[in-house]
Amino acid sequence: MRLFIVDDSPIARQMLRRVLADRDGVEVVGEAVSAEDCLGRVADLAPDVVVMDWQMPGMNGADATRELLGRHPLVRVVGFTSSGPAESRQAFLDAGASEVFRKEDALHLRDYLCGLRVAA
């Protein structure tokens, strides 16, 4: 599975890379610090899955998900958020995200991604 991480926090990106480091078949092909950066790079990197933060400078994660899936409908987007409100989760899902995980649940995200890899 080719994975692209979008998060303005270098600590969150590093944590996610670390959580996925022991998983065979998962390759992080790129990272972006904003939705706009992600949208400009996904076509070139062709990830299978984009892990998208909710709160970033500029466009939020739900709007970025909607835009990304409009351009690349075969890419799966998984929301990754530290914000607690149910509204952000629902906004991600309404925009087309496959699932949404809180940053505290990174191990659950890892297991979900590995399940996607097996199911693909």
Foldseek 3Di string as FASTA:
>chain_A
DEEEEEALDPVLVVVLCVLQVPPPPYHDQYYYDDLVVCLVCCVVRVGQEYEAEADGPDDGRLVSLLVNCVVVVRHAYEYEYQDDDVVSQVSNVVSPHPGYDYSVVSNVVSVVVVVVVVVD
